[in-house]
N, C-alpha and C. Protein backbone atom coordinates (compact mmCIF):
# COMPACT_ATOMS: atom_id res chain seq x y z
N UNK A 1 13.22 -31.69 19.75
CA UNK A 1 12.70 -31.63 18.38
C UNK A 1 13.07 -32.72 17.76
N UNK A 2 12.02 -33.29 16.83
CA UNK A 2 12.36 -34.53 16.02
C UNK A 2 13.10 -34.19 14.74
N UNK A 3 13.50 -35.35 14.21
CA UNK A 3 14.13 -35.38 12.75
C UNK A 3 13.17 -34.81 11.73
N UNK A 4 13.31 -34.21 10.88
CA UNK A 4 12.64 -33.83 9.65
C UNK A 4 12.81 -34.59 8.61
N UNK A 5 11.98 -35.60 7.90
CA UNK A 5 12.32 -36.27 6.73
C UNK A 5 11.73 -35.53 5.32
N UNK A 6 12.63 -35.11 4.60
CA UNK A 6 11.96 -34.26 3.50
C UNK A 6 12.09 -35.10 2.27
N UNK A 7 11.07 -35.08 1.33
CA UNK A 7 11.14 -35.91 0.01
C UNK A 7 10.74 -34.58 -0.97
N UNK A 8 11.73 -33.94 -1.56
CA UNK A 8 11.50 -32.88 -2.38
C UNK A 8 10.65 -33.37 -3.69
N UNK A 9 9.66 -32.47 -3.96
CA UNK A 9 8.79 -33.03 -5.32
C UNK A 9 9.48 -32.93 -6.64
N UNK A 10 10.59 -32.42 -6.63
CA UNK A 10 11.40 -32.38 -7.95
C UNK A 10 12.48 -33.43 -7.91
N UNK A 11 12.60 -34.53 -6.82
CA UNK A 11 13.41 -35.54 -7.01
C UNK A 11 12.52 -36.83 -7.08
N UNK A 12 13.11 -37.98 -7.56
CA UNK A 12 12.31 -39.16 -7.89
C UNK A 12 11.77 -39.68 -6.36
N UNK A 13 10.59 -40.18 -6.47
CA UNK A 13 10.04 -40.77 -5.26
C UNK A 13 10.88 -41.82 -4.67
N UNK A 14 10.79 -41.55 -3.18
CA UNK A 14 11.65 -42.63 -2.47
C UNK A 14 10.77 -43.50 -1.71
N UNK A 15 10.74 -44.68 -1.84
CA UNK A 15 9.84 -45.76 -1.05
C UNK A 15 10.47 -45.89 0.41
N UNK A 16 11.68 -46.28 0.31
CA UNK A 16 12.20 -46.80 1.69
C UNK A 16 13.16 -45.76 2.07
N UNK A 17 13.36 -44.62 1.89
CA UNK A 17 14.33 -43.82 2.53
C UNK A 17 13.82 -42.30 2.06
N UNK A 18 14.47 -41.26 2.95
CA UNK A 18 14.10 -40.03 2.67
C UNK A 18 15.36 -39.30 1.85
N UNK A 19 15.19 -38.38 1.13
CA UNK A 19 16.31 -37.74 0.26
C UNK A 19 16.95 -36.93 1.05
N UNK A 20 16.43 -36.08 2.11
CA UNK A 20 16.85 -35.34 3.04
C UNK A 20 16.36 -35.43 4.56
N UNK A 21 17.29 -35.20 5.50
CA UNK A 21 16.79 -35.56 6.81
C UNK A 21 17.66 -34.10 7.50
N UNK A 22 16.63 -33.33 8.16
CA UNK A 22 17.33 -32.39 9.14
C UNK A 22 17.22 -32.83 10.19
N UNK A 23 18.41 -32.19 11.04
CA UNK A 23 18.46 -32.76 12.65
C UNK A 23 18.68 -31.64 13.54
N UNK A 24 17.96 -31.22 14.63
CA UNK A 24 18.39 -30.23 15.33
C UNK A 24 19.76 -30.42 16.18
N UNK A 25 20.02 -29.51 16.78
CA UNK A 25 21.31 -29.70 17.53
C UNK A 25 21.02 -30.54 18.79
N UNK A 26 21.80 -31.50 18.83
CA UNK A 26 21.69 -32.57 20.03
C UNK A 26 22.94 -33.52 19.88
N UNK A 27 22.91 -34.59 20.63
CA UNK A 27 23.93 -35.54 20.99
C UNK A 27 23.79 -36.58 19.73
N UNK A 28 25.02 -36.69 19.26
CA UNK A 28 25.31 -37.49 17.97
C UNK A 28 25.49 -38.91 18.41
N UNK A 29 24.86 -40.00 17.92
CA UNK A 29 25.46 -41.40 18.31
C UNK A 29 25.70 -41.96 16.98
N UNK A 30 27.01 -42.51 16.87
CA UNK A 30 27.63 -43.21 15.71
C UNK A 30 27.59 -44.67 16.18
N UNK A 31 26.77 -45.50 15.49
CA UNK A 31 26.93 -46.92 15.48
C UNK A 31 27.83 -47.39 14.34
N UNK A 32 28.79 -47.96 14.77
CA UNK A 32 29.68 -48.69 13.87
C UNK A 32 28.88 -49.82 13.06
N UNK A 33 29.64 -50.18 12.12
CA UNK A 33 29.15 -51.13 11.08
C UNK A 33 28.81 -52.44 11.81
N UNK A 34 27.51 -52.96 11.74
CA UNK A 34 27.11 -54.14 12.18
C UNK A 34 26.59 -55.12 11.18
N UNK A 35 27.38 -56.29 11.65
CA UNK A 35 27.07 -57.61 10.67
C UNK A 35 26.17 -58.87 11.28
N UNK A 36 25.89 -59.87 10.70
CA UNK A 36 25.04 -60.85 11.31
C UNK A 36 25.78 -61.69 12.21
N UNK A 37 26.22 -61.21 13.02
CA UNK A 37 26.74 -61.98 14.49
C UNK A 37 25.92 -61.89 15.71
N UNK A 38 25.72 -63.21 16.54
CA UNK A 38 24.95 -62.97 17.60
C UNK A 38 25.88 -62.39 18.55
N UNK A 39 25.43 -62.31 19.97
CA UNK A 39 26.30 -61.89 21.10
C UNK A 39 27.63 -62.30 21.39
N UNK A 40 27.56 -63.75 20.91
CA UNK A 40 28.87 -64.54 21.00
C UNK A 40 29.81 -64.44 19.84
N UNK A 41 29.28 -63.65 18.64
CA UNK A 41 30.15 -63.57 17.56
C UNK A 41 29.93 -64.50 16.58
N UNK A 42 29.12 -65.43 16.58
CA UNK A 42 28.62 -66.53 15.63
C UNK A 42 27.87 -65.95 14.62
N UNK A 43 28.41 -66.32 13.34
CA UNK A 43 27.66 -65.69 12.25
C UNK A 43 26.06 -66.40 12.16
N UNK A 44 25.18 -65.48 12.04
CA UNK A 44 23.73 -65.94 11.98
C UNK A 44 23.32 -66.01 10.50
N UNK A 45 22.82 -67.10 9.99
CA UNK A 45 22.19 -67.20 8.86
C UNK A 45 23.35 -67.14 7.65
N UNK A 46 24.28 -68.11 7.60
CA UNK A 46 25.44 -68.28 6.59
C UNK A 46 24.60 -68.46 5.18
N UNK A 47 25.16 -67.68 4.17
CA UNK A 47 24.59 -67.95 2.94
C UNK A 47 23.10 -67.21 2.76
N UNK A 48 22.47 -66.72 3.72
CA UNK A 48 21.15 -66.20 3.76
C UNK A 48 20.94 -64.93 3.86
N UNK A 49 20.96 -63.95 2.84
CA UNK A 49 20.94 -62.59 2.92
C UNK A 49 19.76 -61.95 3.89
N UNK A 50 18.40 -62.56 3.74
CA UNK A 50 17.51 -62.09 4.50
C UNK A 50 17.86 -62.21 5.85
N UNK A 51 18.34 -63.35 6.40
CA UNK A 51 18.57 -63.61 8.05
C UNK A 51 19.46 -62.73 8.21
N UNK A 52 20.73 -62.69 7.31
CA UNK A 52 21.99 -61.70 7.95
C UNK A 52 21.29 -60.15 7.97
N UNK A 53 20.39 -59.92 6.93
CA UNK A 53 19.88 -58.59 7.09
C UNK A 53 19.27 -58.06 8.41
N UNK A 54 18.33 -59.24 8.74
CA UNK A 54 17.49 -59.22 10.05
C UNK A 54 18.59 -59.03 11.28
N UNK A 55 19.58 -59.83 11.28
CA UNK A 55 20.49 -59.60 12.17
C UNK A 55 21.20 -58.35 12.44
N UNK A 56 21.90 -57.88 11.30
CA UNK A 56 22.70 -56.66 11.34
C UNK A 56 21.76 -55.58 11.82
N UNK A 57 20.45 -55.51 11.19
CA UNK A 57 19.62 -54.20 11.58
C UNK A 57 19.49 -54.49 12.94
N UNK A 58 19.06 -55.50 13.24
CA UNK A 58 18.62 -55.75 14.95
C UNK A 58 19.98 -55.27 15.80
N UNK A 59 21.05 -55.60 15.07
CA UNK A 59 22.42 -55.36 15.85
C UNK A 59 22.42 -54.00 16.08
N UNK A 60 22.15 -52.98 14.83
CA UNK A 60 22.05 -51.57 14.71
C UNK A 60 21.12 -50.88 16.00
N UNK A 61 19.99 -51.81 15.93
CA UNK A 61 19.03 -51.32 17.15
C UNK A 61 19.58 -51.38 18.24
N UNK A 62 20.39 -52.75 18.90
CA UNK A 62 20.80 -52.83 19.91
C UNK A 62 21.83 -51.72 20.25
N UNK A 63 22.82 -51.50 19.28
CA UNK A 63 23.69 -50.43 19.66
C UNK A 63 22.76 -49.38 19.92
N UNK A 64 21.90 -48.78 19.15
CA UNK A 64 21.43 -47.46 19.49
C UNK A 64 20.95 -47.58 20.95
N UNK A 65 20.01 -48.66 21.29
CA UNK A 65 19.63 -48.72 22.46
C UNK A 65 20.68 -48.51 23.81
N UNK A 66 21.83 -49.05 23.54
CA UNK A 66 23.06 -49.07 24.35
C UNK A 66 23.34 -47.67 24.65
N UNK A 67 23.16 -46.90 23.55
CA UNK A 67 23.49 -45.36 23.69
C UNK A 67 22.43 -44.56 24.15
N UNK A 68 21.25 -45.25 24.47
CA UNK A 68 20.13 -44.25 24.77
C UNK A 68 19.47 -43.81 23.52
N UNK A 69 19.32 -44.18 22.51
CA UNK A 69 18.82 -43.66 21.25
C UNK A 69 17.78 -44.59 20.73
N UNK A 70 16.92 -44.13 20.02
CA UNK A 70 15.87 -45.04 19.34
C UNK A 70 16.15 -44.99 17.89
N UNK A 71 15.45 -46.01 17.41
CA UNK A 71 15.61 -45.92 15.65
C UNK A 71 14.87 -44.74 15.14
N UNK A 72 13.83 -43.94 15.66
CA UNK A 72 13.30 -43.01 14.93
C UNK A 72 14.25 -41.95 15.22
N UNK A 73 15.21 -41.90 15.83
CA UNK A 73 16.21 -40.89 15.95
C UNK A 73 17.46 -40.96 15.01
N UNK A 74 17.37 -41.97 14.06
CA UNK A 74 18.56 -42.04 13.07
C UNK A 74 18.37 -41.43 11.87
N UNK A 75 18.96 -40.45 11.75
CA UNK A 75 19.28 -39.72 10.35
C UNK A 75 19.74 -40.18 9.22
N UNK A 76 20.82 -41.18 9.46
CA UNK A 76 21.26 -41.64 8.01
C UNK A 76 21.93 -43.19 8.34
N UNK A 77 21.83 -44.06 7.64
CA UNK A 77 22.42 -45.37 7.36
C UNK A 77 23.28 -45.63 6.20
N UNK A 78 24.19 -46.51 6.50
CA UNK A 78 24.92 -46.86 5.22
C UNK A 78 24.80 -48.39 5.15
N UNK A 79 24.42 -48.94 4.24
CA UNK A 79 24.33 -50.49 4.04
C UNK A 79 24.99 -50.98 2.94
N UNK A 80 26.01 -51.87 3.38
CA UNK A 80 26.97 -52.35 2.50
C UNK A 80 26.57 -53.86 1.98
N UNK A 81 26.48 -54.24 0.88
CA UNK A 81 26.09 -55.68 0.35
C UNK A 81 26.94 -56.39 -0.40
N UNK A 82 27.42 -57.47 -0.13
CA UNK A 82 28.60 -58.20 -0.89
C UNK A 82 27.82 -58.69 -2.15
N UNK A 83 28.32 -58.36 -3.19
CA UNK A 83 27.68 -59.03 -4.51
C UNK A 83 26.14 -58.53 -4.52
N UNK A 84 25.97 -57.29 -4.33
CA UNK A 84 24.76 -56.85 -4.56
C UNK A 84 24.00 -57.03 -5.86
N UNK A 85 22.80 -57.38 -5.87
CA UNK A 85 21.85 -57.36 -7.16
C UNK A 85 20.70 -56.98 -6.53
N UNK A 86 19.99 -56.31 -7.55
CA UNK A 86 18.51 -55.69 -7.61
C UNK A 86 17.53 -56.64 -6.64
N UNK A 87 17.60 -57.60 -6.94
CA UNK A 87 16.58 -58.64 -6.38
C UNK A 87 16.93 -58.88 -5.10
N UNK A 88 18.11 -58.46 -4.37
CA UNK A 88 18.19 -58.19 -2.96
C UNK A 88 17.44 -57.57 -2.07
N UNK A 89 17.11 -56.34 -2.76
CA UNK A 89 16.29 -55.39 -2.31
C UNK A 89 15.26 -55.66 -1.23
N UNK A 90 14.34 -56.41 -1.69
CA UNK A 90 13.37 -56.77 -0.58
C UNK A 90 13.70 -57.61 0.51
N UNK A 91 14.85 -58.28 0.66
CA UNK A 91 15.38 -58.96 1.93
C UNK A 91 16.00 -57.90 2.68
N UNK A 92 16.69 -56.88 2.07
CA UNK A 92 17.17 -55.78 2.88
C UNK A 92 16.20 -54.94 3.42
N UNK A 93 15.48 -54.79 2.74
CA UNK A 93 13.86 -53.79 3.22
C UNK A 93 13.57 -54.39 4.38
N UNK A 94 13.08 -55.85 4.40
CA UNK A 94 12.37 -56.63 5.23
C UNK A 94 13.07 -56.13 6.67
N UNK A 95 14.58 -56.56 6.66
CA UNK A 95 15.33 -56.40 7.93
C UNK A 95 15.29 -55.00 8.38
N UNK A 96 15.20 -53.84 7.27
CA UNK A 96 15.28 -52.45 7.55
C UNK A 96 14.09 -52.35 8.51
N UNK A 97 13.02 -52.56 7.77
CA UNK A 97 11.67 -52.20 8.23
C UNK A 97 11.16 -52.92 9.82
N UNK A 98 12.00 -54.04 9.98
CA UNK A 98 12.02 -54.58 11.25
C UNK A 98 12.33 -53.87 12.48
N UNK A 99 13.34 -53.02 12.18
CA UNK A 99 14.00 -52.13 13.15
C UNK A 99 13.32 -50.67 13.01
N UNK A 100 13.17 -50.11 11.87
CA UNK A 100 12.80 -48.89 11.59
C UNK A 100 11.25 -48.54 11.58
N UNK A 101 10.63 -49.70 11.22
CA UNK A 101 9.27 -49.56 10.98
C UNK A 101 8.84 -48.38 9.90
N UNK A 102 8.13 -47.57 10.14
CA UNK A 102 7.93 -46.37 8.84
C UNK A 102 8.75 -45.23 9.19
N UNK A 103 10.13 -45.27 9.86
CA UNK A 103 10.89 -44.21 9.77
C UNK A 103 11.60 -44.27 8.69
N UNK A 104 12.08 -43.50 7.89
CA UNK A 104 13.16 -43.72 6.59
C UNK A 104 14.01 -42.82 6.74
N UNK A 105 15.24 -42.93 7.41
CA UNK A 105 16.30 -42.12 7.32
C UNK A 105 17.01 -42.15 6.12
N UNK A 106 17.85 -41.03 5.77
CA UNK A 106 18.45 -41.16 4.54
C UNK A 106 19.55 -42.14 4.60
N UNK A 107 19.63 -42.72 3.37
CA UNK A 107 20.67 -43.90 3.26
C UNK A 107 21.47 -44.00 2.14
N UNK A 108 22.46 -45.02 2.45
CA UNK A 108 23.39 -45.03 1.19
C UNK A 108 23.27 -46.62 0.99
N UNK A 109 23.09 -47.30 -0.16
CA UNK A 109 23.31 -48.58 -0.38
C UNK A 109 24.27 -49.10 -1.27
N UNK A 110 25.35 -49.87 -0.86
CA UNK A 110 26.68 -49.95 -1.61
C UNK A 110 26.62 -51.33 -1.96
N UNK A 111 26.90 -51.81 -3.23
CA UNK A 111 27.35 -53.10 -3.52
C UNK A 111 28.74 -53.31 -3.43
N UNK A 112 29.43 -54.01 -2.74
CA UNK A 112 30.83 -54.17 -2.58
C UNK A 112 31.10 -55.93 -3.28
N UNK A 113 32.65 -56.07 -3.42
CA UNK A 113 32.88 -57.22 -3.61
C UNK A 113 32.93 -58.16 -2.80
N UNK A 114 33.36 -57.59 -1.28
CA UNK A 114 33.21 -58.63 -0.30
C UNK A 114 33.27 -57.66 1.09
N UNK A 115 33.17 -58.40 2.21
CA UNK A 115 33.16 -57.58 3.68
C UNK A 115 34.14 -58.25 4.22
N UNK A 116 34.28 -57.84 5.60
CA UNK A 116 35.47 -58.03 6.36
C UNK A 116 35.76 -59.72 6.46
N UNK A 117 34.89 -60.51 6.30
CA UNK A 117 34.84 -61.89 6.41
C UNK A 117 34.05 -62.60 5.30
N UNK A 118 34.47 -63.62 4.50
CA UNK A 118 33.89 -63.80 3.52
C UNK A 118 32.43 -64.64 3.51
N UNK A 119 32.03 -64.85 4.84
CA UNK A 119 30.69 -65.37 5.33
C UNK A 119 29.54 -64.32 5.21
N UNK A 120 30.19 -63.11 5.43
CA UNK A 120 29.30 -61.76 5.89
C UNK A 120 28.72 -61.31 4.31
N UNK A 121 27.47 -61.12 4.53
CA UNK A 121 26.82 -60.60 3.24
C UNK A 121 26.24 -59.17 3.32
N UNK A 122 26.09 -58.72 4.56
CA UNK A 122 25.66 -57.22 4.72
C UNK A 122 26.29 -56.71 6.06
N UNK A 123 26.35 -55.31 6.05
CA UNK A 123 26.79 -54.54 7.10
C UNK A 123 26.22 -53.31 7.04
N UNK A 124 25.79 -52.87 8.20
CA UNK A 124 24.87 -51.62 8.35
C UNK A 124 25.36 -50.65 9.67
N UNK A 125 25.86 -49.49 9.15
CA UNK A 125 25.95 -48.37 10.24
C UNK A 125 25.00 -47.30 10.15
N UNK A 126 25.05 -46.39 11.22
CA UNK A 126 24.06 -45.66 11.66
C UNK A 126 24.43 -44.48 12.27
N UNK A 127 23.81 -43.26 11.97
CA UNK A 127 24.06 -42.12 12.61
C UNK A 127 22.69 -41.48 13.25
N UNK A 128 22.58 -41.41 14.42
CA UNK A 128 21.52 -40.87 15.09
C UNK A 128 21.63 -39.50 15.87
N UNK A 129 20.62 -38.83 16.00
CA UNK A 129 20.76 -37.48 16.77
C UNK A 129 19.70 -37.52 17.91
N UNK A 130 20.07 -37.59 19.07
CA UNK A 130 19.23 -37.41 20.25
C UNK A 130 19.22 -36.20 20.86
N UNK A 131 18.17 -35.59 20.58
CA UNK A 131 17.91 -34.10 21.20
C UNK A 131 17.94 -34.03 22.58
């Protein structure tokens, strides 16, 4: 049984996420916060939020695949952005779409002062339900 994404008519329109996601009983997959590092642990895109977003979301996709999950099985993601400003949103959304396509899991986007390393600009975690 697939996830059901719901956008109630009495909540504001949500272009890139769903307000509510229901999940059937299944196996839960938790992907820890992923940052813009390659397989060797080297920072990808120093100072470039777009490049870091693409890498962080791609790393989420790699984590899902390792657990036998697909991006369309993700019910929720949390996105942390160092020094977030509204003009960052298109860069973040492009990275997100590269992995999730038209699937819109519920999400939280948090602007934070800093992440675990001063060069990191974005971190993304995910929760998937595999039926």
